[in-house]
N, C-alpha and C. Protein backbone atom coordinates (compact mmCIF):
# COMPACT_ATOMS: atom_id res chain seq x y z
N MET A 1 -71.34 26.88 52.48
CA MET A 1 -70.37 26.37 51.42
C MET A 1 -70.96 26.67 50.04
N SER A 2 -70.11 27.35 49.23
CA SER A 2 -70.70 27.18 47.85
C SER A 2 -71.42 26.06 47.18
N THR A 3 -72.35 26.13 45.85
CA THR A 3 -72.50 25.06 45.62
C THR A 3 -71.12 23.95 44.61
N ALA A 4 -70.62 24.70 43.95
CA ALA A 4 -69.66 24.67 43.29
C ALA A 4 -68.46 23.71 43.89
N ILE A 5 -68.18 23.99 45.34
CA ILE A 5 -67.36 23.09 46.25
C ILE A 5 -68.16 22.12 46.52
N ARG A 6 -69.46 22.21 47.01
CA ARG A 6 -70.28 20.72 47.21
C ARG A 6 -70.32 20.19 46.05
N MET A 7 -70.41 20.62 44.61
CA MET A 7 -70.18 19.47 43.90
C MET A 7 -69.46 19.06 43.57
N LYS A 8 -67.95 19.65 43.76
CA LYS A 8 -66.51 19.07 43.66
C LYS A 8 -66.40 17.80 44.49
N LYS A 9 -66.85 17.99 45.87
CA LYS A 9 -66.59 16.73 47.11
C LYS A 9 -67.85 15.94 46.54
N VAL A 10 -68.91 16.16 46.11
CA VAL A 10 -69.98 15.23 45.64
C VAL A 10 -69.08 14.38 44.29
N ILE A 11 -68.61 15.01 43.69
CA ILE A 11 -68.00 14.27 42.21
C ILE A 11 -66.83 13.75 42.68
N ARG A 12 -65.99 13.72 43.96
CA ARG A 12 -64.98 12.86 44.49
C ARG A 12 -65.55 12.13 45.01
N VAL A 13 -66.55 11.95 45.83
CA VAL A 13 -67.01 11.16 46.94
C VAL A 13 -67.06 9.97 45.52
N SER A 14 -67.87 10.60 44.64
CA SER A 14 -68.73 9.18 43.61
C SER A 14 -67.11 8.38 42.79
N CYS A 15 -66.60 9.50 42.91
CA CYS A 15 -65.25 8.65 41.98
C CYS A 15 -64.61 7.52 42.58
N ALA A 16 -64.53 8.02 44.12
CA ALA A 16 -64.04 6.62 44.77
C ALA A 16 -64.80 6.12 45.04
N VAL A 17 -65.77 5.96 45.14
CA VAL A 17 -67.11 4.78 45.35
C VAL A 17 -66.86 4.01 43.84
N PHE A 18 -66.89 4.49 42.83
CA PHE A 18 -66.98 4.04 42.00
C PHE A 18 -65.71 3.03 41.80
N ALA A 19 -64.14 3.74 41.98
CA ALA A 19 -63.03 2.76 42.29
C ALA A 19 -63.27 1.65 43.34
N PHE A 20 -63.27 1.94 44.09
CA PHE A 20 -63.55 0.57 45.27
C PHE A 20 -64.89 -0.24 44.34
N ASN A 21 -65.80 -0.03 44.54
CA ASN A 21 -66.54 -1.25 43.93
C ASN A 21 -65.98 -1.76 42.59
N SER A 22 -65.57 -1.22 41.77
CA SER A 22 -64.73 -1.04 40.16
C SER A 22 -63.83 -2.37 40.80
N ALA A 23 -62.77 -2.06 41.58
CA ALA A 23 -62.09 -2.86 42.19
C ALA A 23 -62.14 -4.36 42.76
N LEU A 24 -63.56 -4.28 43.40
CA LEU A 24 -64.27 -5.47 43.65
C LEU A 24 -65.10 -5.98 42.71
N LEU A 25 -65.79 -5.46 42.19
CA LEU A 25 -66.89 -6.11 41.27
C LEU A 25 -65.92 -6.92 39.59
N PHE A 26 -64.99 -5.92 39.56
CA PHE A 26 -64.44 -6.57 38.21
C PHE A 26 -63.94 -7.75 37.92
N PRO A 27 -63.44 -8.35 39.03
CA PRO A 27 -62.36 -9.72 38.82
C PRO A 27 -63.62 -10.76 38.74
N ILE A 28 -64.71 -10.46 39.54
CA ILE A 28 -65.94 -11.18 39.77
C ILE A 28 -66.74 -11.62 38.59
N ALA A 29 -67.16 -10.57 37.84
CA ALA A 29 -67.66 -10.04 36.83
C ALA A 29 -67.11 -11.09 35.38
N TYR A 30 -65.73 -10.78 35.15
CA TYR A 30 -64.81 -11.25 34.09
C TYR A 30 -64.58 -12.57 34.88
N GLY A 31 -64.52 -12.96 35.83
CA GLY A 31 -64.31 -14.56 36.36
C GLY A 31 -63.16 -14.95 36.89
N LEU A 32 -62.22 -13.39 36.95
CA LEU A 32 -60.88 -13.69 37.21
C LEU A 32 -60.92 -13.39 38.86
N THR A 33 -60.76 -14.73 39.52
CA THR A 33 -60.36 -15.00 40.77
C THR A 33 -58.89 -15.36 40.84
N GLN A 34 -58.96 -15.91 42.24
CA GLN A 34 -57.62 -16.46 42.58
C GLN A 34 -56.99 -17.91 41.83
N GLU A 35 -58.48 -18.50 41.33
CA GLU A 35 -58.26 -20.19 41.13
C GLU A 35 -58.00 -19.66 39.37
N ALA A 36 -58.10 -18.90 39.34
CA ALA A 36 -57.95 -18.57 37.74
C ALA A 36 -56.30 -18.27 37.13
N THR A 37 -55.85 -17.98 38.16
CA THR A 37 -54.13 -17.76 37.83
C THR A 37 -53.19 -19.25 36.73
N PRO A 38 -52.69 -18.70 36.35
CA PRO A 38 -51.58 -20.18 35.91
C PRO A 38 -51.36 -20.90 37.11
N LYS A 39 -50.87 -21.80 36.77
CA LYS A 39 -50.95 -23.17 37.65
C LYS A 39 -49.51 -22.94 37.15
N ASP A 40 -48.34 -23.71 37.75
CA ASP A 40 -47.54 -24.38 37.85
C ASP A 40 -46.80 -24.61 36.58
N GLU A 41 -47.75 -26.03 36.48
CA GLU A 41 -47.36 -26.48 34.80
C GLU A 41 -47.64 -25.59 33.53
N THR A 42 -49.06 -24.53 33.44
CA THR A 42 -49.35 -23.71 32.60
C THR A 42 -47.98 -22.92 32.68
N GLY A 43 -47.17 -22.61 33.24
CA GLY A 43 -46.21 -21.64 33.59
C GLY A 43 -44.60 -21.85 32.87
N GLN A 44 -44.59 -23.74 33.01
CA GLN A 44 -43.83 -24.21 32.76
C GLN A 44 -43.95 -24.50 30.59
N GLU A 45 -45.27 -24.35 30.89
CA GLU A 45 -45.38 -24.48 28.88
C GLU A 45 -45.51 -23.55 28.65
N ILE A 46 -45.60 -22.17 29.13
CA ILE A 46 -45.70 -21.26 28.49
C ILE A 46 -43.69 -20.90 28.43
N ASP A 47 -43.35 -21.09 29.28
CA ASP A 47 -42.00 -21.32 29.03
C ASP A 47 -40.98 -22.09 27.85
N ARG A 48 -41.70 -23.12 28.16
CA ARG A 48 -41.01 -24.38 26.54
C ARG A 48 -41.44 -23.31 25.25
N TYR A 49 -42.94 -23.21 25.48
CA TYR A 49 -43.16 -22.61 24.42
C TYR A 49 -42.43 -21.14 23.47
N CYS A 50 -42.31 -20.10 24.53
CA CYS A 50 -41.39 -19.28 24.38
C CYS A 50 -39.82 -19.69 24.01
N THR A 51 -39.49 -20.93 24.52
CA THR A 51 -38.19 -21.18 24.38
C THR A 51 -37.54 -21.43 22.83
N ASN A 52 -39.06 -22.45 22.89
CA ASN A 52 -39.35 -23.26 21.22
C ASN A 52 -39.18 -21.97 20.22
N ILE A 53 -40.02 -21.18 20.43
CA ILE A 53 -40.26 -19.95 19.06
C ILE A 53 -38.59 -19.40 19.08
N THR A 54 -38.40 -19.21 20.49
CA THR A 54 -36.69 -18.71 20.35
C THR A 54 -35.79 -19.15 19.79
N ASP A 55 -35.77 -20.29 19.59
CA ASP A 55 -34.77 -21.29 18.74
C ASP A 55 -35.38 -21.01 17.43
N LYS A 56 -36.41 -20.92 17.04
CA LYS A 56 -37.11 -20.99 15.65
C LYS A 56 -36.56 -19.55 14.88
N ALA A 57 -36.79 -18.51 15.83
CA ALA A 57 -36.41 -17.37 15.44
C ALA A 57 -34.80 -17.08 15.26
N THR A 58 -34.28 -17.75 16.55
CA THR A 58 -32.94 -18.08 15.90
C THR A 58 -32.42 -18.12 14.52
N ASP A 59 -33.07 -19.67 14.36
CA ASP A 59 -32.79 -20.18 13.12
C ASP A 59 -33.03 -19.64 11.99
N ALA A 60 -34.20 -18.62 11.84
CA ALA A 60 -34.78 -18.17 10.74
C ALA A 60 -33.81 -16.92 10.68
N ARG A 61 -33.26 -16.30 11.43
CA ARG A 61 -32.46 -14.92 11.43
C ARG A 61 -30.84 -15.50 11.21
N TYR A 62 -30.57 -16.91 11.55
CA TYR A 62 -29.26 -17.28 10.83
C TYR A 62 -29.43 -17.79 9.59
N ALA A 63 -30.41 -18.24 9.15
CA ALA A 63 -30.81 -18.72 7.93
C ALA A 63 -30.43 -17.49 6.73
N MET A 64 -31.03 -16.30 7.28
CA MET A 64 -31.16 -15.22 6.62
C MET A 64 -29.99 -14.55 6.63
N GLN A 65 -29.01 -14.47 7.54
CA GLN A 65 -28.00 -14.11 7.57
C GLN A 65 -26.80 -14.83 6.68
N THR A 66 -27.08 -15.89 6.73
CA THR A 66 -26.40 -17.12 5.75
C THR A 66 -26.73 -16.77 4.50
N ARG A 67 -27.91 -16.22 4.11
CA ARG A 67 -28.40 -16.09 2.78
C ARG A 67 -27.82 -14.59 2.10
N GLU A 68 -27.85 -13.89 3.22
CA GLU A 68 -26.82 -12.37 2.75
C GLU A 68 -25.45 -12.49 2.49
N LEU A 69 -25.26 -13.26 3.34
CA LEU A 69 -23.55 -13.65 2.99
C LEU A 69 -23.26 -14.30 1.99
N ALA A 70 -24.07 -15.39 1.68
CA ALA A 70 -23.75 -16.03 0.58
C ALA A 70 -23.92 -14.94 -0.89
N GLN A 71 -24.74 -14.06 -0.77
CA GLN A 71 -25.23 -13.30 -1.78
C GLN A 71 -24.14 -12.22 -2.41
N LEU A 72 -23.56 -11.58 -0.79
CA LEU A 72 -22.10 -11.04 -0.64
C LEU A 72 -21.09 -11.69 -1.03
N ARG A 73 -20.90 -12.88 -0.73
CA ARG A 73 -19.60 -13.36 -1.35
C ARG A 73 -20.02 -13.89 -2.76
N ALA A 74 -20.66 -13.90 -3.72
CA ALA A 74 -21.29 -14.19 -4.86
C ALA A 74 -20.92 -12.44 -5.67
N ASP A 75 -21.41 -11.19 -4.83
CA ASP A 75 -21.07 -10.05 -5.26
C ASP A 75 -19.43 -9.86 -5.49
N ILE A 76 -18.80 -10.47 -4.65
CA ILE A 76 -17.26 -10.18 -4.26
C ILE A 76 -16.63 -10.72 -5.75
N ASP A 77 -17.12 -12.46 -5.56
CA ASP A 77 -16.47 -13.13 -6.55
C ASP A 77 -16.43 -12.29 -7.73
N SER A 78 -18.03 -12.06 -8.39
CA SER A 78 -17.46 -11.43 -9.59
C SER A 78 -17.38 -10.38 -9.47
N ARG A 79 -16.89 -9.50 -8.59
CA ARG A 79 -16.12 -8.17 -9.03
C ARG A 79 -14.80 -8.50 -8.96
N ILE A 80 -14.33 -9.43 -8.56
CA ILE A 80 -12.67 -10.30 -8.64
C ILE A 80 -12.48 -10.24 -9.70
N GLU A 81 -13.49 -11.42 -10.20
CA GLU A 81 -13.45 -11.94 -11.94
C GLU A 81 -13.17 -10.64 -12.85
N GLN A 82 -13.94 -9.20 -12.60
CA GLN A 82 -14.31 -8.30 -13.37
C GLN A 82 -12.71 -7.39 -13.04
N LEU A 83 -12.45 -7.54 -12.22
CA LEU A 83 -10.78 -7.00 -11.80
C LEU A 83 -10.04 -7.68 -12.50
N ASP A 84 -9.78 -8.80 -12.17
CA ASP A 84 -8.72 -9.79 -13.06
C ASP A 84 -8.85 -9.91 -14.38
N ALA A 85 -10.14 -9.91 -15.25
CA ALA A 85 -10.41 -9.30 -16.44
C ALA A 85 -9.81 -8.03 -16.92
N LYS A 86 -9.88 -7.22 -16.06
CA LYS A 86 -9.39 -5.54 -16.04
C LYS A 86 -7.78 -5.53 -16.24
N ARG A 87 -7.49 -6.43 -15.19
CA ARG A 87 -6.05 -6.37 -15.21
C ARG A 87 -5.29 -7.33 -16.21
N LYS A 88 -6.03 -8.14 -16.67
CA LYS A 88 -5.41 -8.60 -17.88
C LYS A 88 -5.12 -7.96 -19.02
N GLU A 89 -6.59 -7.31 -19.49
CA GLU A 89 -6.12 -6.43 -20.22
C GLU A 89 -5.00 -5.08 -20.08
N TYR A 90 -5.16 -4.85 -19.38
CA TYR A 90 -4.12 -3.54 -18.77
C TYR A 90 -2.72 -4.15 -19.12
N GLU A 91 -2.68 -5.84 -18.63
CA GLU A 91 -1.02 -5.81 -19.05
C GLU A 91 -0.91 -6.02 -20.30
N VAL A 92 -1.70 -6.43 -21.09
CA VAL A 92 -1.58 -6.47 -22.74
C VAL A 92 -1.45 -5.19 -23.13
N TRP A 93 -2.03 -4.27 -22.65
CA TRP A 93 -2.04 -3.26 -23.73
C TRP A 93 -0.62 -2.46 -22.89
N LEU A 94 -0.06 -2.56 -21.73
CA LEU A 94 1.12 -2.51 -21.46
C LEU A 94 2.32 -2.73 -21.75
N LYS A 95 2.11 -4.38 -22.37
CA LYS A 95 2.94 -5.00 -23.59
C LYS A 95 2.77 -4.42 -24.31
N ARG A 96 1.95 -4.09 -25.18
CA ARG A 96 1.91 -3.34 -26.86
C ARG A 96 2.60 -2.35 -26.42
N ARG A 97 2.43 -1.60 -25.42
CA ARG A 97 2.76 0.28 -24.88
C ARG A 97 4.81 0.17 -25.11
N ASP A 98 5.04 -1.09 -24.45
CA ASP A 98 6.16 -1.36 -23.88
C ASP A 98 7.23 -1.42 -25.38
N GLU A 99 6.59 -2.34 -26.03
CA GLU A 99 7.24 -2.86 -27.40
C GLU A 99 6.73 -2.06 -28.31
N PHE A 100 5.74 -1.27 -28.33
CA PHE A 100 6.14 0.08 -29.36
C PHE A 100 7.04 0.92 -29.16
N MET A 101 7.27 1.13 -27.82
CA MET A 101 8.18 2.47 -27.10
C MET A 101 9.49 1.86 -27.55
N ASP A 102 9.70 0.88 -27.44
CA ASP A 102 11.44 -0.06 -27.81
C ASP A 102 11.27 0.67 -29.70
N LYS A 103 10.49 -0.09 -29.84
CA LYS A 103 10.59 0.05 -31.46
C LYS A 103 10.90 1.56 -31.84
N ALA A 104 10.10 2.53 -30.82
CA ALA A 104 9.65 4.17 -31.19
C ALA A 104 11.44 4.61 -31.00
N GLU A 105 12.32 3.94 -29.80
CA GLU A 105 13.56 4.65 -29.43
C GLU A 105 14.37 4.45 -30.23
N ASP A 106 14.01 3.09 -30.92
CA ASP A 106 15.44 2.31 -31.20
C ASP A 106 15.15 2.87 -32.87
N SER A 107 14.12 3.44 -33.27
CA SER A 107 14.33 4.02 -34.60
C SER A 107 14.36 5.62 -34.49
N LEU A 108 14.19 6.19 -33.72
CA LEU A 108 14.04 7.31 -33.41
C LEU A 108 15.87 7.69 -32.88
N VAL A 109 16.68 6.95 -32.18
CA VAL A 109 17.78 6.67 -32.09
C VAL A 109 18.71 6.56 -33.48
N GLY A 110 17.87 5.77 -34.31
CA GLY A 110 18.27 5.71 -36.10
C GLY A 110 18.22 7.05 -36.21
N ILE A 111 17.56 7.60 -36.43
CA ILE A 111 17.05 8.74 -36.85
C ILE A 111 17.81 9.98 -36.72
N ILE A 112 18.14 9.91 -35.51
CA ILE A 112 18.93 11.00 -34.45
C ILE A 112 20.20 11.00 -35.05
N SER A 113 21.08 9.34 -34.98
CA SER A 113 22.24 9.47 -35.22
C SER A 113 22.52 9.58 -36.43
N LYS A 114 21.67 9.27 -37.52
CA LYS A 114 21.76 9.95 -38.77
C LYS A 114 21.60 11.26 -39.49
N MET A 115 21.23 12.24 -38.12
CA MET A 115 20.75 13.41 -38.94
C MET A 115 22.02 14.68 -38.51
N ARG A 116 22.19 15.52 -39.33
CA ARG A 116 23.39 16.44 -38.90
C ARG A 116 23.46 16.83 -37.63
N PRO A 117 24.43 17.07 -37.09
CA PRO A 117 24.69 17.33 -35.62
C PRO A 117 23.98 18.56 -35.25
N ASP A 118 23.91 19.59 -35.77
CA ASP A 118 23.49 21.06 -35.92
C ASP A 118 21.75 20.54 -35.70
N ALA A 119 21.00 19.80 -36.80
CA ALA A 119 20.00 19.76 -36.80
C ALA A 119 19.57 19.18 -36.06
N ALA A 120 19.89 18.11 -35.24
CA ALA A 120 19.57 16.79 -34.20
C ALA A 120 20.06 17.75 -32.91
N ALA A 121 20.70 18.41 -32.42
CA ALA A 121 20.77 19.31 -31.35
C ALA A 121 19.76 20.34 -31.07
N ALA A 122 18.92 21.06 -32.27
CA ALA A 122 17.76 21.82 -32.55
C ALA A 122 16.95 20.83 -32.05
N GLN A 123 16.72 19.60 -32.46
CA GLN A 123 15.41 18.56 -32.03
C GLN A 123 15.43 18.24 -30.50
N MET A 124 16.74 17.67 -30.32
CA MET A 124 16.75 17.69 -28.73
C MET A 124 16.86 18.71 -28.13
N ALA A 125 17.17 20.08 -28.55
CA ALA A 125 16.84 21.28 -27.26
C ALA A 125 15.51 21.29 -26.65
N LEU A 126 14.53 20.54 -28.20
CA LEU A 126 12.86 21.25 -27.87
C LEU A 126 12.35 19.94 -27.06
N LEU A 127 13.22 18.96 -27.03
CA LEU A 127 12.90 17.71 -26.23
C LEU A 127 12.86 17.96 -24.62
N GLY A 128 12.05 17.21 -23.49
CA GLY A 128 12.27 17.33 -22.71
C GLY A 128 13.73 16.40 -21.92
N ASP A 129 13.69 16.96 -20.27
CA ASP A 129 14.98 16.59 -20.40
C ASP A 129 15.86 15.01 -20.39
N GLU A 130 14.84 14.67 -19.63
CA GLU A 130 15.24 13.44 -19.19
C GLU A 130 14.88 12.34 -20.61
N ALA A 131 14.13 12.81 -21.58
CA ALA A 131 13.99 12.30 -22.98
C ALA A 131 15.17 12.55 -24.12
N ALA A 132 15.63 13.34 -23.91
CA ALA A 132 17.15 14.01 -24.56
C ALA A 132 18.18 13.30 -23.92
N ALA A 133 18.35 13.25 -22.67
CA ALA A 133 19.39 12.63 -21.86
C ALA A 133 19.59 11.26 -22.16
N ALA A 134 17.92 10.49 -22.12
CA ALA A 134 18.20 8.80 -22.48
C ALA A 134 18.57 8.80 -23.87
N LEU A 135 17.86 9.61 -24.93
CA LEU A 135 18.47 9.35 -26.30
C LEU A 135 20.30 9.63 -26.23
N LEU A 136 20.26 10.69 -25.63
CA LEU A 136 22.04 10.41 -25.78
C LEU A 136 22.61 9.52 -25.19
N LEU A 137 21.94 9.19 -24.62
CA LEU A 137 22.65 7.70 -23.51
C LEU A 137 23.22 6.32 -24.96
N LYS A 138 21.36 6.67 -25.61
CA LYS A 138 21.69 5.17 -26.68
C LYS A 138 22.35 5.58 -27.97
N LEU A 139 22.36 6.77 -28.15
CA LEU A 139 23.69 6.92 -29.18
C LEU A 139 25.02 6.98 -29.08
N ASN A 140 25.67 6.50 -30.21
CA ASN A 140 27.10 6.20 -30.14
C ASN A 140 27.71 7.72 -29.16
N PRO A 141 28.75 7.19 -28.43
CA PRO A 141 29.53 8.33 -27.88
C PRO A 141 30.20 9.63 -28.88
N ARG A 142 30.81 9.67 -29.66
CA ARG A 142 31.17 10.12 -30.43
C ARG A 142 30.20 11.56 -31.38
N VAL A 143 28.78 10.62 -31.39
CA VAL A 143 27.69 11.38 -32.20
C VAL A 143 27.06 11.79 -31.33
N SER A 144 27.02 11.63 -29.88
CA SER A 144 26.48 12.05 -28.71
C SER A 144 27.01 13.60 -28.13
N SER A 145 28.54 13.44 -28.76
CA SER A 145 29.16 14.56 -27.75
C SER A 145 29.31 15.63 -29.31
N VAL A 146 29.16 15.02 -30.54
CA VAL A 146 29.15 16.25 -31.12
C VAL A 146 27.96 17.19 -30.94
N ILE A 147 26.22 16.18 -31.08
CA ILE A 147 25.02 16.87 -30.68
C ILE A 147 24.85 18.14 -29.73
N LEU A 148 25.85 17.33 -28.25
CA LEU A 148 25.93 18.01 -27.13
C LEU A 148 26.89 19.20 -27.41
N ASN A 149 27.98 19.57 -28.11
CA ASN A 149 28.52 20.40 -28.60
C ASN A 149 27.58 21.37 -29.52
N GLU A 150 26.47 21.32 -30.38
CA GLU A 150 25.91 21.86 -30.96
C GLU A 150 24.44 22.51 -30.11
N MET A 151 24.28 22.40 -28.85
CA MET A 151 23.36 22.62 -28.15
C MET A 151 23.77 23.73 -27.19
N PRO A 152 22.59 24.55 -27.27
CA PRO A 152 23.14 25.84 -26.05
C PRO A 152 23.70 25.27 -24.86
N ALA A 153 24.87 26.10 -24.19
CA ALA A 153 25.62 25.61 -23.01
C ALA A 153 24.47 25.10 -21.90
N GLU A 154 23.46 26.47 -21.69
CA GLU A 154 22.48 26.07 -20.60
C GLU A 154 22.03 24.40 -20.86
N LYS A 155 21.41 24.28 -22.01
CA LYS A 155 20.76 22.78 -22.20
C LYS A 155 21.78 21.75 -22.01
N SER A 156 22.80 21.94 -23.05
CA SER A 156 23.79 20.81 -22.69
C SER A 156 24.28 20.36 -21.05
N SER A 157 24.57 21.46 -20.20
CA SER A 157 24.61 21.40 -18.92
C SER A 157 23.71 20.63 -18.41
N ARG A 158 22.29 21.06 -18.61
CA ARG A 158 21.21 20.36 -17.93
C ARG A 158 21.48 19.00 -17.94
N LEU A 159 21.43 18.37 -19.69
CA LEU A 159 21.60 17.10 -19.83
C LEU A 159 22.54 16.24 -19.51
N ALA A 160 23.74 16.92 -19.19
CA ALA A 160 24.79 15.90 -18.58
C ALA A 160 24.47 16.01 -17.24
N ARG A 161 24.12 16.61 -16.36
CA ARG A 161 23.47 16.42 -15.15
C ARG A 161 22.48 15.43 -14.65
N VAL A 162 21.13 15.24 -15.68
CA VAL A 162 20.72 14.68 -15.90
C VAL A 162 21.25 13.13 -16.06
N ILE A 163 22.15 13.06 -17.14
CA ILE A 163 22.59 11.67 -17.30
C ILE A 163 23.78 11.26 -16.13
N VAL A 164 24.37 12.43 -15.45
CA VAL A 164 25.26 11.82 -14.19
C VAL A 164 24.52 11.09 -13.45
N GLY A 165 23.02 12.16 -13.15
CA GLY A 165 22.33 11.49 -12.26
C GLY A 165 21.45 10.52 -12.23
N SER A 166 21.14 9.70 -13.49
CA SER A 166 21.10 8.74 -13.84
C SER A 166 21.93 7.30 -13.65
N ARG A 167 23.19 7.62 -13.62
CA ARG A 167 24.26 6.22 -13.17
C ARG A 167 24.50 6.27 -11.52
N VAL A 168 23.60 4.90 -11.31
CA VAL A 168 24.07 4.34 -10.27
C VAL A 168 25.42 4.80 -9.75
N VAL A 169 25.93 5.58 -8.56
CA VAL A 169 27.25 5.41 -8.54
C VAL A 169 27.49 4.71 -6.87
N PRO A 170 28.73 3.57 -7.25
CA PRO A 170 28.72 2.98 -6.05
C PRO A 170 29.20 3.28 -5.02
N ALA A 171 29.10 2.86 -4.03
CA ALA A 171 29.55 3.39 -2.40
C ALA A 171 31.12 3.56 -2.76
N THR A 172 31.97 2.85 -3.26
CA THR A 172 33.37 2.97 -2.95
C THR A 172 33.64 4.50 -3.68
N GLU A 173 32.77 4.52 -4.88
CA GLU A 173 33.20 5.43 -5.59
C GLU A 173 32.84 6.95 -4.82
N ARG A 174 32.05 7.05 -4.25
CA ARG A 174 31.34 8.15 -3.71
C ARG A 174 32.32 8.24 -2.46
N THR A 175 33.03 7.66 -1.82
CA THR A 175 33.55 8.03 -0.70
C THR A 175 34.97 8.70 -1.42
N ALA A 176 35.33 8.06 -2.54
CA ALA A 176 36.58 8.59 -3.20
C ALA A 176 36.51 9.61 -3.62
N GLN A 177 35.26 10.32 -3.87
CA GLN A 177 35.14 11.78 -4.37
C GLN A 177 35.05 12.66 -3.53
């Protein structure tokens, strides 16, 4: 046999002997014998200790979650207050805008009704169809008809279609047509 093979066998045998001796001597050297294993009472104490710690950990987790929820609730309440303040601000702004629009419409109706029909027709032809139709509806029918007469035929027909489309037709009139 070669020297390398003999050396491998010696190393294997030495390791096996060392492992066997360690298994036998280790518990004795460190005082670990059958008598040192936990008794039934010690096992119960360990269980009680773990149970007590589990309850405390659960309580701590619950308290932490409660604090987080309270913080989230406070954040949500502050955001709701901010949204309410913005909503009130927008309501005030919308009310002022509506009042201004009502005054502007009334004054614009007064201005257009006092203009010459050809000048009013030229001005209204430049407006959008819905705005011009709304103004025509607010004017006296006699003034509206003269202004429509002065407008180009294409524009006046579009305005007439908008005016007719804006009127709600009852179901009885629809069936009669």
